[in-house]
């Protein structure tokens, strides 16, 4: 899958203005193969931190190894069982 980042950013800015959003829209795609044209996230962090970085305009992909939050992994389908606390 080839991603045109400029086009996606333009669409995000357009949606932000039309919907009067505080932050730019963020797209999430779940797939089996890394998308071409994006760099893999370096390090491990919670999904909510990844989301915040994307809202600031960063574009990247992450794998299960990049996730540092069991609850986030579960809701993204990267874990088979719910986290019990």
Protein backbone atom coordinates (compact mmCIF):
# COMPACT_ATOMS: atom_id res chain seq x y z
CA UNK A 1 0.00 0.00 0.00
CA UNK A 2 1.47 3.35 -1.03
CA UNK A 3 0.58 6.33 1.14
CA UNK A 4 0.57 9.86 -0.24
CA UNK A 5 1.40 11.77 2.96
CA UNK A 6 0.93 15.23 1.51
CA UNK A 7 -2.58 14.37 0.38
CA UNK A 8 -3.45 12.84 3.76
CA UNK A 9 -2.18 15.90 5.62
CA UNK A 10 -4.20 18.19 3.36
CA UNK A 11 -7.30 16.10 4.01
CA UNK A 12 -6.65 16.20 7.75
CA UNK A 13 -6.36 20.00 7.75
CA UNK A 14 -9.54 20.25 5.66
CA UNK A 15 -11.46 18.03 8.09
CA UNK A 16 -10.12 20.01 11.04
CA UNK A 17 -11.50 23.21 9.58
CA UNK A 18 -14.81 21.81 8.37
CA UNK A 19 -15.59 20.01 11.63
CA UNK A 20 -14.04 22.74 13.81
CA UNK A 21 -11.78 20.21 15.50
CA UNK A 22 -9.14 21.23 18.02
CA UNK A 23 -6.59 18.78 16.54
CA UNK A 24 -5.97 17.36 13.08
CA UNK A 25 -7.64 14.08 12.21
CA UNK A 26 -5.54 10.92 12.59
CA UNK A 27 -5.84 7.85 10.38
CA UNK A 28 -5.19 4.36 11.73
CA UNK A 29 -4.86 1.36 9.46
CA UNK A 30 -4.39 -2.19 10.69
CA UNK A 31 -2.58 -4.49 8.29
CA UNK A 32 -0.25 -7.42 7.99
CA UNK A 33 2.43 -5.67 5.88
CA UNK A 34 4.21 -2.41 6.70
CA UNK A 35 3.00 0.46 4.50
CA UNK A 36 5.46 1.75 1.95
CA UNK A 37 6.52 5.35 2.34
CA UNK A 38 6.37 5.39 6.16
CA UNK A 39 9.14 4.91 8.68
CA UNK A 40 8.70 2.51 11.58
CA UNK A 41 8.30 4.13 14.99
CA UNK A 42 11.51 3.99 17.02
CA UNK A 43 11.13 2.72 20.58
CA UNK A 44 8.17 1.60 22.68
CA UNK A 45 5.26 3.69 23.92
CA UNK A 46 1.59 3.62 24.72
CA UNK A 47 -0.91 3.86 21.85
CA UNK A 48 -2.28 7.13 23.25
CA UNK A 49 1.22 8.66 22.97
CA UNK A 50 1.46 7.41 19.37
CA UNK A 51 -1.90 9.05 18.68
CA UNK A 52 -0.71 12.35 20.17
CA UNK A 53 2.41 12.30 17.98
CA UNK A 54 0.26 11.68 14.91
CA UNK A 55 -1.96 14.62 15.88
CA UNK A 56 1.17 16.80 15.80
CA UNK A 57 1.77 15.74 12.19
CA UNK A 58 4.16 12.81 12.55
CA UNK A 59 3.54 9.91 10.17
CA UNK A 60 4.85 6.44 11.03
CA UNK A 61 3.84 2.82 11.43
CA UNK A 62 4.14 0.68 14.53
CA UNK A 63 4.20 -3.04 15.16
CA UNK A 64 3.28 -4.99 18.30
CA UNK A 65 6.89 -4.62 19.44
CA UNK A 66 6.45 -0.82 19.59
CA UNK A 67 3.51 -1.00 22.02
CA UNK A 68 4.07 -0.51 25.73
CA UNK A 69 0.47 -0.79 26.96
CA UNK A 70 -1.41 -4.05 27.32
CA UNK A 71 -4.82 -2.38 27.18
CA UNK A 72 -3.93 -0.55 23.97
CA UNK A 73 -2.60 -3.76 22.43
CA UNK A 74 -5.83 -5.55 23.31
CA UNK A 75 -8.09 -2.90 21.77
CA UNK A 76 -6.01 -2.86 18.59
CA UNK A 77 -6.29 -6.64 18.29
CA UNK A 78 -2.60 -7.26 19.05
CA UNK A 79 -3.44 -9.36 22.15
CA UNK A 80 -5.89 -12.22 22.35
CA UNK A 81 -6.97 -11.77 25.96
CA UNK A 82 -8.21 -8.88 28.04
CA UNK A 83 -5.91 -7.39 30.64
CA UNK A 84 -6.95 -8.27 34.19
CA UNK A 85 -5.90 -5.91 36.97
